[in-house]
Amino acid sequence: MSGHSKWNTIKRKKGAADAKRGKIFTKIIKEIQVAAKMGGGDEHANPRLRSAIQAAKAANMPATNIERAIAKGTGELEGVSYEEIGYEAYGPGGVAILMNALTDNKNRTVSDIRHILTKHGGSLATSGSVAYLFEKKGIITINKENCTEDDLLIVATDAGAEDINVEEDFYEISTEPSSFEDVKKALEENHLPIHEASISMIPKNIVKVDEDIAPKILKIMDALEEHEDIQNVYANFDIDDDILLKIQESG
């Protein structure tokens, strides 16, 4: 379905708590600082900051950490200045990969990314060679335990949602970026608790990877997501459930 985020689905299926708590906090704090720097410290007037704060609360980050990160972003407290950079790459089997990073040292970050890619059979790509294979969408997930599909369908579509994908434990809603905040607001006003919500890069076409390539692409994706400078990783692949199960059983 359009807007479906296969990599997020795969992560949920393999039970991936890929980053340790400390790394999760580091990534969220960077996002809060950059969002506050770009759009100000008022979350009600800054959608990007509001989303970052929601992610922080979902990760049980202490309020003092959130407040300090906002203050550093707005310049009230001294803090590191982060640069937002995108990278494009090819993984094993020609899988297209997009990355967003927040870094205070882009030379270090690109060197680290190149090392990860080379180690796992991938390579950096030239700017524009991969990005056109993706499109920007708002993605919102809601735990199935929190609502019925019919209730969600009415609220989300009335607010401008584009598509709803039904997964094992979650509903995944996709929107145009321009409708993202409207759909989020409608869900919140109707007391439908949001599990995750973000503007994501969704592949236009999905590549099915076979049993030989699947473990390699999972390793490269996990390694990239583990890097503390990389905020988001997107890719255009899918893995059949039986292959994913074999990989899990083999450790």
Protein backbone atom coordinates (compact mmCIF):
# COMPACT_ATOMS: atom_id res chain seq x y z
CA MET A 1 0.00 0.00 0.00
CA SER A 2 1.11 3.57 -0.57
CA GLY A 3 2.92 5.09 2.36
CA HIS A 4 3.68 1.77 3.98
CA SER A 5 6.93 1.74 5.96
CA LYS A 6 8.31 -1.78 5.50
CA TRP A 7 11.51 -1.27 7.48
CA ASN A 8 9.55 -0.12 10.55
CA THR A 9 7.33 -3.17 10.20
CA ILE A 10 10.36 -5.46 10.01
CA LYS A 11 11.88 -3.84 13.10
CA ARG A 12 8.69 -4.46 15.05
CA LYS A 13 8.47 -8.07 13.85
CA LYS A 14 12.03 -8.86 14.88
CA GLY A 15 11.48 -7.17 18.23
CA ALA A 16 14.25 -4.68 17.62
CA ALA A 17 15.12 -2.45 20.53
CA ASP A 18 18.04 -1.49 18.35
CA ALA A 19 19.44 1.40 20.32
CA LYS A 20 20.14 1.31 24.01
CA ARG A 21 18.30 3.77 26.26
CA GLY A 22 21.27 6.17 26.35
CA LYS A 23 21.51 6.31 22.57
CA ILE A 24 17.76 6.84 22.23
CA PHE A 25 18.00 9.79 24.61
CA THR A 26 20.99 11.22 22.72
CA LYS A 27 19.15 11.11 19.39
CA ILE A 28 15.98 12.67 20.82
CA ILE A 29 17.92 15.43 22.62
CA LYS A 30 19.67 16.35 19.36
CA GLU A 31 16.32 16.51 17.57
CA ILE A 32 14.81 18.70 20.30
CA GLN A 33 17.78 21.10 20.16
CA VAL A 34 17.68 21.41 16.36
CA ALA A 35 13.88 21.78 16.31
CA ALA A 36 14.02 24.51 18.97
CA LYS A 37 16.86 26.28 17.17
CA MET A 38 15.00 26.27 13.84
CA GLY A 39 11.46 26.97 15.01
CA GLY A 40 11.63 28.36 18.54
CA GLY A 41 11.01 26.86 21.96
CA ASP A 42 7.20 26.99 21.96
CA GLU A 43 5.98 23.50 21.10
CA HIS A 44 2.48 24.79 20.28
CA ALA A 45 3.93 26.95 17.50
CA ASN A 46 6.61 24.46 16.42
CA PRO A 47 5.28 21.12 15.08
CA ARG A 48 8.74 19.59 14.75
CA LEU A 49 9.52 20.41 18.39
CA ARG A 50 6.15 19.07 19.48
CA SER A 51 6.83 15.74 17.74
CA ALA A 52 10.28 15.54 19.32
CA ILE A 53 8.86 16.19 22.78
CA GLN A 54 6.22 13.49 22.23
CA ALA A 55 9.00 11.05 21.30
CA ALA A 56 10.92 12.05 24.42
CA LYS A 57 7.91 11.45 26.64
CA ALA A 58 7.24 8.09 24.96
CA ALA A 59 10.84 7.12 25.80
CA ASN A 60 10.27 8.21 29.44
CA MET A 61 12.83 10.99 29.22
CA PRO A 62 12.83 13.18 32.36
CA ALA A 63 11.18 16.58 31.92
CA THR A 64 14.36 18.33 33.04
CA ASN A 65 16.27 16.76 30.12
CA ILE A 66 13.62 18.00 27.69
CA GLU A 67 13.65 21.52 29.13
CA ARG A 68 17.46 21.68 29.05
CA ALA A 69 17.56 20.55 25.42
CA ILE A 70 15.03 23.22 24.43
CA ALA A 71 17.04 25.88 26.28
CA LYS A 72 20.22 24.81 24.48
CA GLY A 73 18.42 24.95 21.14
CA THR A 74 17.07 28.46 21.73
CA GLY A 75 20.43 29.67 23.04
CA GLU A 76 19.33 30.20 26.64
CA LEU A 77 21.94 27.64 27.65
CA GLU A 78 25.26 26.97 25.97
CA GLY A 79 25.22 23.83 23.84
CA VAL A 80 26.74 22.05 20.86
CA SER A 81 25.64 23.25 17.42
CA TYR A 82 24.39 20.40 15.23
CA GLU A 83 24.21 20.35 11.44
CA GLU A 84 21.47 18.44 9.65
CA ILE A 85 22.77 16.33 6.75
CA GLY A 86 21.27 13.70 4.47
CA TYR A 87 23.17 10.73 3.02
CA GLU A 88 22.30 8.31 0.23
CA ALA A 89 23.64 4.80 -0.12
CA TYR A 90 23.26 1.37 -1.67
CA GLY A 91 23.11 -1.72 0.49
CA PRO A 92 23.58 -5.41 -0.40
CA GLY A 93 21.49 -6.47 -3.37
CA GLY A 94 21.26 -2.89 -4.62
CA VAL A 95 18.82 -1.86 -1.87
CA ALA A 96 18.43 1.93 -1.74
CA ILE A 97 19.10 3.58 1.63
CA LEU A 98 18.45 7.12 2.82
CA MET A 99 19.80 8.53 6.11
CA ASN A 100 19.23 11.74 8.06
CA ALA A 101 21.95 12.76 10.50
CA LEU A 102 22.49 15.48 13.09
CA THR A 103 26.19 16.00 13.70
CA ASP A 104 28.70 18.42 15.18
CA ASN A 105 31.43 16.93 12.96
CA LYS A 106 30.34 15.96 9.46
CA ASN A 107 33.78 14.61 8.51
CA ARG A 108 33.60 12.13 11.40
CA THR A 109 30.04 11.17 10.57
CA VAL A 110 30.59 10.52 6.88
CA SER A 111 33.74 8.53 7.69
CA ASP A 112 31.79 6.39 10.17
CA ILE A 113 28.95 5.84 7.69
CA ARG A 114 31.34 4.87 4.91
CA HIS A 115 33.04 2.37 7.25
CA ILE A 116 29.69 0.79 8.24
CA LEU A 117 28.57 0.52 4.62
CA THR A 118 31.86 -0.96 3.39
CA LYS A 119 32.03 -3.45 6.26
CA HIS A 120 28.56 -4.79 5.45
CA GLY A 121 28.67 -4.79 1.65
CA GLY A 122 27.22 -1.36 0.90
CA SER A 123 28.51 1.93 -0.49
CA LEU A 124 27.78 5.65 -0.37
CA ALA A 125 25.87 6.97 -3.37
CA THR A 126 26.07 10.33 -5.11
CA SER A 127 23.52 12.97 -4.14
CA GLY A 128 20.20 12.43 -5.92
CA SER A 129 20.91 8.90 -7.10
CA VAL A 130 18.71 7.33 -4.40
CA ALA A 131 16.44 10.10 -3.08
CA TYR A 132 14.13 10.05 -6.11
CA LEU A 133 13.08 6.49 -5.17
CA PHE A 134 11.37 7.83 -2.03
CA GLU A 135 8.58 10.26 -1.24
CA LYS A 136 7.84 12.25 1.90
CA LYS A 137 4.82 11.08 3.92
CA GLY A 138 3.45 11.53 7.39
CA ILE A 139 3.35 8.18 9.21
CA ILE A 140 1.32 7.63 12.39
CA THR A 141 1.01 4.31 14.21
CA ILE A 142 -1.64 3.37 16.75
CA ASN A 143 -1.73 0.23 18.85
CA LYS A 144 -4.67 -1.99 17.88
CA GLU A 145 -5.59 -2.38 21.54
CA ASN A 146 -6.50 1.29 21.72
CA CYS A 147 -9.22 1.47 19.07
CA THR A 148 -11.23 -0.38 16.44
CA GLU A 149 -10.39 -0.15 12.77
CA ASP A 150 -13.80 1.38 12.00
CA ASP A 151 -13.37 4.17 14.58
CA LEU A 152 -9.88 4.92 13.32
CA LEU A 153 -10.96 4.89 9.67
CA ILE A 154 -13.71 7.46 10.27
CA VAL A 155 -11.56 9.87 12.28
CA ALA A 156 -8.41 9.58 10.18
CA THR A 157 -9.99 9.79 6.74
CA ASP A 158 -12.21 12.70 7.74
CA ALA A 159 -9.09 14.55 8.87
CA GLY A 160 -7.31 13.92 5.57
CA ALA A 161 -5.46 10.62 5.97
CA GLU A 162 -4.37 9.03 2.71
CA ASP A 163 -4.17 5.35 3.65
CA ILE A 164 -4.42 2.98 6.62
CA ASN A 165 -2.39 -0.21 6.71
CA VAL A 166 -3.37 -2.98 9.14
CA GLU A 167 -0.46 -4.78 10.77
CA GLU A 168 -0.33 -7.50 13.39
CA ASP A 169 -0.35 -5.19 16.41
CA PHE A 170 -0.62 -1.71 14.89
CA TYR A 171 -2.57 0.44 12.48
CA GLU A 172 -0.25 2.53 10.31
CA ILE A 173 -1.76 5.71 8.91
CA SER A 174 -0.13 7.60 6.05
CA THR A 175 -0.78 11.21 5.15
CA GLU A 176 0.50 13.91 2.87
CA PRO A 177 2.95 16.08 4.85
CA SER A 178 0.49 18.99 4.61
CA SER A 179 -2.23 16.92 6.35
CA PHE A 180 0.01 15.33 9.00
CA GLU A 181 -0.70 17.79 11.82
CA ASP A 182 -4.45 17.84 11.08
CA VAL A 183 -4.66 14.04 11.31
CA LYS A 184 -2.58 13.95 14.50
CA LYS A 185 -4.79 16.61 16.08
CA ALA A 186 -7.98 14.76 15.11
CA LEU A 187 -6.69 11.50 16.61
CA GLU A 188 -5.70 13.24 19.85
CA GLU A 189 -9.04 15.06 20.11
CA ASN A 190 -10.85 11.73 19.70
CA HIS A 191 -8.70 10.13 22.43
CA LEU A 192 -6.95 7.70 20.06
CA PRO A 193 -3.45 7.37 21.62
CA ILE A 194 -0.63 7.73 19.11
CA HIS A 195 2.26 5.27 19.41
CA GLU A 196 4.61 6.97 16.92
CA ALA A 197 4.25 9.92 14.55
CA SER A 198 6.80 11.40 12.15
CA ILE A 199 7.40 12.73 8.67
CA SER A 200 9.19 9.88 6.90
CA MET A 201 10.67 9.04 3.53
CA ILE A 202 8.67 6.15 2.08
CA PRO A 203 9.91 4.07 -0.87
CA LYS A 204 7.86 4.29 -4.06
CA ASN A 205 8.73 0.69 -4.94
CA ILE A 206 9.71 -2.22 -2.70
CA VAL A 207 12.48 -4.73 -3.44
CA LYS A 208 11.94 -8.24 -2.07
CA VAL A 209 15.26 -9.56 -0.80
CA ASP A 210 16.05 -13.26 -0.83
CA GLU A 211 17.42 -15.53 1.89
CA ASP A 212 21.04 -14.72 0.98
CA ILE A 213 20.68 -10.94 1.00
CA ALA A 214 18.25 -10.57 3.93
CA PRO A 215 20.76 -11.13 6.79
CA LYS A 216 23.23 -8.75 5.17
CA ILE A 217 20.73 -5.92 4.74
CA LEU A 218 19.44 -6.36 8.29
CA LYS A 219 22.99 -6.09 9.65
CA ILE A 220 23.71 -2.92 7.69
CA MET A 221 20.41 -1.30 8.74
CA ASP A 222 20.94 -2.19 12.39
CA ALA A 223 24.52 -0.86 12.33
CA LEU A 224 23.41 2.44 10.78
CA GLU A 225 20.57 2.88 13.27
CA GLU A 226 22.99 2.22 16.14
CA HIS A 227 25.14 5.21 15.16
CA GLU A 228 24.34 8.09 17.48
CA ASP A 229 24.54 10.75 14.73
CA ILE A 230 22.00 9.02 12.48
CA GLN A 231 18.45 10.01 13.36
CA ASN A 232 16.53 8.08 10.71
CA VAL A 233 17.27 5.33 8.20
CA TYR A 234 14.96 4.47 5.30
CA ALA A 235 15.26 1.67 2.74
CA ASN A 236 13.22 0.17 -0.08
CA PHE A 237 13.26 -3.52 0.82
CA ASP A 238 10.96 -6.13 2.33
CA ILE A 239 11.62 -9.60 3.72
CA ASP A 240 9.15 -12.49 3.73
CA ASP A 241 8.05 -13.55 7.21
CA ASP A 242 9.44 -17.08 6.84
CA ILE A 243 12.90 -15.74 5.94
CA LEU A 244 12.78 -13.28 8.84
CA LEU A 245 11.85 -16.11 11.20
CA LYS A 246 14.79 -18.23 9.98
CA ILE A 247 17.17 -15.33 10.60
CA GLN A 248 15.80 -14.83 14.11
CA GLU A 249 16.06 -18.54 14.93
CA SER A 250 19.64 -18.71 13.68
CA GLY A 251 20.58 -15.81 15.96
